[in-house]
Amino acid sequence: MPKRGEVWIGDLGFAQKVRPYTDEDRDLISVIPHLTAIRGITISFLKPGAFLVQHPITVSAAKAERFLGRLAPAQLALVEAGVRNWLGL
């Protein structure tokens, strides 16, 4: 189960198969996607890019496929500040 500040590779596609729900499908996580088409932040285990703080999404935890690493506290603080700014908080 992904935890706050962790970075995972996952399938965020919107086309899904119709299938019965399991308990694992009900475990939801909030995700801030990382884009490599936009430059701005450097993290050792990611390609250069930026977190898309204007587009937080909620997906099934089952979509988290592979753990990449954990953001440093200062990096996580920047992402959180971006989300708060976007939400007007």
N, C-alpha and C. Protein backbone atom coordinates (compact mmCIF):
# COMPACT_ATOMS: atom_id res chain seq x y z
N MET A 1 0.85 -1.18 0.00
CA MET A 1 0.00 0.00 0.00
C MET A 1 0.89 1.24 0.00
N PRO A 2 0.77 2.10 -1.01
CA PRO A 2 1.57 3.33 -1.06
C PRO A 2 1.32 4.23 0.15
N LYS A 3 2.37 4.90 0.58
CA LYS A 3 2.31 5.81 1.72
C LYS A 3 2.64 7.23 1.27
N ARG A 4 2.26 8.20 2.08
CA ARG A 4 2.50 9.62 1.80
C ARG A 4 3.98 9.86 1.51
N GLY A 5 4.25 10.58 0.42
CA GLY A 5 5.61 10.91 0.06
C GLY A 5 6.32 9.87 -0.79
N GLU A 6 5.70 8.72 -1.01
CA GLU A 6 6.31 7.70 -1.86
C GLU A 6 5.95 7.95 -3.32
N VAL A 7 6.85 7.52 -4.20
CA VAL A 7 6.61 7.64 -5.64
C VAL A 7 6.52 6.24 -6.22
N TRP A 8 5.44 5.99 -6.93
CA TRP A 8 5.17 4.69 -7.53
C TRP A 8 4.89 4.87 -9.02
N ILE A 9 5.20 3.84 -9.79
CA ILE A 9 4.72 3.77 -11.18
C ILE A 9 3.37 3.10 -11.10
N GLY A 10 2.42 3.64 -11.83
CA GLY A 10 1.08 3.05 -11.83
C GLY A 10 0.36 3.30 -13.12
N ASP A 11 -0.68 2.53 -13.34
CA ASP A 11 -1.52 2.69 -14.52
C ASP A 11 -2.65 3.64 -14.17
N LEU A 12 -2.57 4.87 -14.69
CA LEU A 12 -3.60 5.86 -14.41
C LEU A 12 -4.56 6.00 -15.58
N GLY A 13 -4.52 5.04 -16.50
CA GLY A 13 -5.42 5.06 -17.66
C GLY A 13 -6.88 5.01 -17.23
N PHE A 14 -7.71 5.59 -18.06
CA PHE A 14 -9.12 5.65 -17.72
C PHE A 14 -9.93 4.52 -18.34
N ALA A 15 -9.36 3.80 -19.30
CA ALA A 15 -10.06 2.66 -19.89
C ALA A 15 -9.85 1.46 -18.97
N GLN A 16 -10.93 0.92 -18.46
CA GLN A 16 -10.82 -0.19 -17.53
C GLN A 16 -11.75 -1.32 -17.96
N LYS A 17 -11.33 -2.52 -17.58
CA LYS A 17 -12.19 -3.66 -17.82
C LYS A 17 -13.31 -3.66 -16.78
N VAL A 18 -14.44 -4.18 -17.16
CA VAL A 18 -15.52 -4.37 -16.19
C VAL A 18 -15.22 -5.67 -15.46
N ARG A 19 -15.14 -5.59 -14.15
CA ARG A 19 -14.86 -6.79 -13.36
C ARG A 19 -15.46 -6.62 -11.98
N PRO A 20 -15.65 -7.71 -11.26
CA PRO A 20 -16.20 -7.60 -9.90
C PRO A 20 -15.21 -6.87 -8.99
N TYR A 21 -15.74 -6.10 -8.04
CA TYR A 21 -14.89 -5.40 -7.09
C TYR A 21 -14.45 -6.32 -5.98
N THR A 22 -13.22 -6.15 -5.53
CA THR A 22 -12.70 -6.88 -4.38
C THR A 22 -12.39 -5.85 -3.30
N ASP A 23 -12.04 -6.30 -2.10
CA ASP A 23 -11.66 -5.37 -1.03
C ASP A 23 -10.49 -4.51 -1.46
N GLU A 24 -9.54 -5.08 -2.22
CA GLU A 24 -8.38 -4.33 -2.67
C GLU A 24 -8.79 -3.16 -3.57
N ASP A 25 -9.84 -3.33 -4.36
CA ASP A 25 -10.31 -2.26 -5.24
C ASP A 25 -10.88 -1.09 -4.46
N ARG A 26 -11.31 -1.31 -3.23
CA ARG A 26 -11.91 -0.25 -2.42
C ARG A 26 -10.86 0.58 -1.68
N ASP A 27 -9.61 0.12 -1.63
CA ASP A 27 -8.53 0.89 -1.02
C ASP A 27 -8.16 2.00 -1.99
N LEU A 28 -8.43 3.25 -1.61
CA LEU A 28 -8.18 4.38 -2.49
C LEU A 28 -6.98 5.18 -2.03
N ILE A 29 -6.25 5.73 -3.00
CA ILE A 29 -5.12 6.61 -2.71
C ILE A 29 -5.28 7.88 -3.54
N SER A 30 -4.81 8.99 -3.01
CA SER A 30 -4.78 10.24 -3.76
C SER A 30 -3.40 10.36 -4.40
N VAL A 31 -3.39 10.77 -5.66
CA VAL A 31 -2.17 10.76 -6.46
C VAL A 31 -1.94 12.13 -7.07
N ILE A 32 -0.69 12.58 -7.05
CA ILE A 32 -0.27 13.77 -7.79
C ILE A 32 0.61 13.24 -8.92
N PRO A 33 0.11 13.25 -10.16
CA PRO A 33 0.90 12.70 -11.28
C PRO A 33 2.20 13.49 -11.50
N HIS A 34 3.23 12.78 -11.97
CA HIS A 34 4.51 13.39 -12.33
C HIS A 34 4.63 13.32 -13.85
N LEU A 35 4.89 14.47 -14.47
CA LEU A 35 5.00 14.54 -15.91
C LEU A 35 6.44 14.81 -16.32
N THR A 36 6.90 14.12 -17.36
CA THR A 36 8.25 14.37 -17.84
C THR A 36 8.25 15.37 -19.00
N ALA A 37 7.09 15.73 -19.52
CA ALA A 37 7.01 16.71 -20.61
C ALA A 37 7.25 18.12 -20.08
N ILE A 38 7.14 18.30 -18.78
CA ILE A 38 7.35 19.59 -18.14
C ILE A 38 8.63 19.48 -17.33
N ARG A 39 9.50 20.44 -17.44
CA ARG A 39 10.76 20.41 -16.69
C ARG A 39 10.63 21.29 -15.46
N GLY A 40 11.35 20.94 -14.41
CA GLY A 40 11.30 21.80 -13.25
C GLY A 40 11.90 21.20 -11.99
N ILE A 41 11.71 19.90 -11.74
CA ILE A 41 12.18 19.32 -10.49
C ILE A 41 13.08 18.14 -10.81
N THR A 42 14.14 17.98 -10.04
CA THR A 42 15.06 16.87 -10.23
C THR A 42 15.04 15.98 -9.00
N ILE A 43 14.71 14.72 -9.23
CA ILE A 43 14.70 13.70 -8.17
C ILE A 43 15.48 12.52 -8.71
N SER A 44 16.40 11.99 -7.93
CA SER A 44 17.36 11.00 -8.43
C SER A 44 16.72 9.80 -9.12
N PHE A 45 15.57 9.34 -8.66
CA PHE A 45 14.97 8.14 -9.22
C PHE A 45 13.90 8.43 -10.28
N LEU A 46 13.72 9.71 -10.66
CA LEU A 46 12.74 10.09 -11.68
C LEU A 46 13.42 10.83 -12.82
N LYS A 47 12.83 10.72 -14.00
CA LYS A 47 13.28 11.56 -15.12
C LYS A 47 12.94 13.00 -14.79
N PRO A 48 13.69 13.97 -15.33
CA PRO A 48 13.36 15.38 -15.07
C PRO A 48 11.91 15.67 -15.45
N GLY A 49 11.23 16.43 -14.63
CA GLY A 49 9.83 16.74 -14.89
C GLY A 49 9.25 17.56 -13.77
N ALA A 50 7.93 17.48 -13.62
CA ALA A 50 7.24 18.25 -12.59
C ALA A 50 6.02 17.48 -12.12
N PHE A 51 5.63 17.73 -10.86
CA PHE A 51 4.40 17.15 -10.34
C PHE A 51 3.24 18.03 -10.75
N LEU A 52 2.18 17.45 -11.24
CA LEU A 52 1.02 18.18 -11.74
C LEU A 52 0.07 18.44 -10.57
N VAL A 53 0.40 19.45 -9.76
CA VAL A 53 -0.37 19.73 -8.54
C VAL A 53 -1.79 20.21 -8.84
N GLN A 54 -2.05 20.65 -10.07
CA GLN A 54 -3.39 21.12 -10.44
C GLN A 54 -4.33 19.96 -10.76
N HIS A 55 -3.83 18.73 -10.70
CA HIS A 55 -4.66 17.59 -11.11
C HIS A 55 -4.54 16.40 -10.16
N PRO A 56 -4.80 16.60 -8.85
CA PRO A 56 -4.78 15.43 -7.96
C PRO A 56 -5.93 14.50 -8.34
N ILE A 57 -5.68 13.21 -8.30
CA ILE A 57 -6.72 12.23 -8.64
C ILE A 57 -6.76 11.15 -7.56
N THR A 58 -7.88 10.46 -7.50
CA THR A 58 -8.04 9.35 -6.56
C THR A 58 -8.24 8.08 -7.38
N VAL A 59 -7.44 7.07 -7.07
CA VAL A 59 -7.49 5.81 -7.80
C VAL A 59 -7.43 4.65 -6.80
N SER A 60 -7.72 3.48 -7.28
CA SER A 60 -7.58 2.27 -6.47
C SER A 60 -6.10 2.05 -6.17
N ALA A 61 -5.79 1.67 -4.95
CA ALA A 61 -4.40 1.38 -4.57
C ALA A 61 -3.83 0.25 -5.42
N ALA A 62 -4.70 -0.58 -5.98
CA ALA A 62 -4.24 -1.68 -6.83
C ALA A 62 -3.55 -1.17 -8.09
N LYS A 63 -3.76 0.10 -8.45
CA LYS A 63 -3.12 0.66 -9.65
C LYS A 63 -1.64 0.97 -9.42
N ALA A 64 -1.21 1.04 -8.16
CA ALA A 64 0.21 1.27 -7.85
C ALA A 64 0.96 -0.02 -8.16
N GLU A 65 1.83 0.04 -9.16
CA GLU A 65 2.46 -1.18 -9.65
C GLU A 65 3.88 -1.41 -9.14
N ARG A 66 4.68 -0.32 -9.06
CA ARG A 66 6.08 -0.52 -8.68
C ARG A 66 6.59 0.69 -7.92
N PHE A 67 7.16 0.43 -6.74
CA PHE A 67 7.73 1.48 -5.89
C PHE A 67 9.03 1.99 -6.50
N LEU A 68 9.17 3.33 -6.61
CA LEU A 68 10.39 3.93 -7.14
C LEU A 68 11.26 4.54 -6.06
N GLY A 69 10.64 5.17 -5.06
CA GLY A 69 11.42 5.82 -4.02
C GLY A 69 10.54 6.73 -3.19
N ARG A 70 11.19 7.44 -2.30
CA ARG A 70 10.48 8.34 -1.38
C ARG A 70 11.03 9.75 -1.57
N LEU A 71 10.14 10.73 -1.61
CA LEU A 71 10.56 12.12 -1.68
C LEU A 71 11.23 12.53 -0.37
N ALA A 72 12.24 13.36 -0.48
CA ALA A 72 12.85 13.94 0.71
C ALA A 72 11.83 14.89 1.34
N PRO A 73 11.90 15.12 2.65
CA PRO A 73 10.92 16.01 3.29
C PRO A 73 10.80 17.38 2.60
N ALA A 74 11.91 17.96 2.17
CA ALA A 74 11.85 19.26 1.49
C ALA A 74 11.13 19.16 0.14
N GLN A 75 11.33 18.05 -0.57
CA GLN A 75 10.65 17.84 -1.86
C GLN A 75 9.15 17.67 -1.65
N LEU A 76 8.78 16.86 -0.66
CA LEU A 76 7.36 16.65 -0.36
C LEU A 76 6.71 17.96 0.06
N ALA A 77 7.43 18.77 0.83
CA ALA A 77 6.89 20.07 1.25
C ALA A 77 6.59 20.96 0.05
N LEU A 78 7.43 20.93 -0.98
CA LEU A 78 7.18 21.72 -2.19
C LEU A 78 5.93 21.25 -2.92
N VAL A 79 5.75 19.94 -3.04
CA VAL A 79 4.56 19.38 -3.70
C VAL A 79 3.31 19.75 -2.90
N GLU A 80 3.36 19.57 -1.59
CA GLU A 80 2.22 19.91 -0.74
C GLU A 80 1.88 21.40 -0.82
N ALA A 81 2.90 22.25 -0.85
CA ALA A 81 2.66 23.70 -0.96
C ALA A 81 2.00 24.02 -2.30
N GLY A 82 2.41 23.35 -3.36
CA GLY A 82 1.79 23.55 -4.67
C GLY A 82 0.32 23.16 -4.67
N VAL A 83 -0.01 22.03 -4.04
CA VAL A 83 -1.41 21.60 -3.95
C VAL A 83 -2.22 22.60 -3.13
N ARG A 84 -1.68 23.02 -1.98
CA ARG A 84 -2.40 24.00 -1.15
C ARG A 84 -2.63 25.30 -1.91
N ASN A 85 -1.62 25.75 -2.63
CA ASN A 85 -1.75 26.98 -3.42
C ASN A 85 -2.85 26.81 -4.49
N TRP A 86 -2.85 25.68 -5.17
CA TRP A 86 -3.85 25.42 -6.20
C TRP A 86 -5.26 25.41 -5.61
N LEU A 87 -5.40 24.88 -4.40
CA LEU A 87 -6.70 24.81 -3.73
C LEU A 87 -7.07 26.12 -3.03
N GLY A 88 -6.15 27.08 -3.03
CA GLY A 88 -6.42 28.36 -2.39
C GLY A 88 -6.38 28.32 -0.89
N LEU A 89 -5.58 27.42 -0.35
CA LEU A 89 -5.47 27.27 1.12
C LEU A 89 -4.27 27.99 1.68
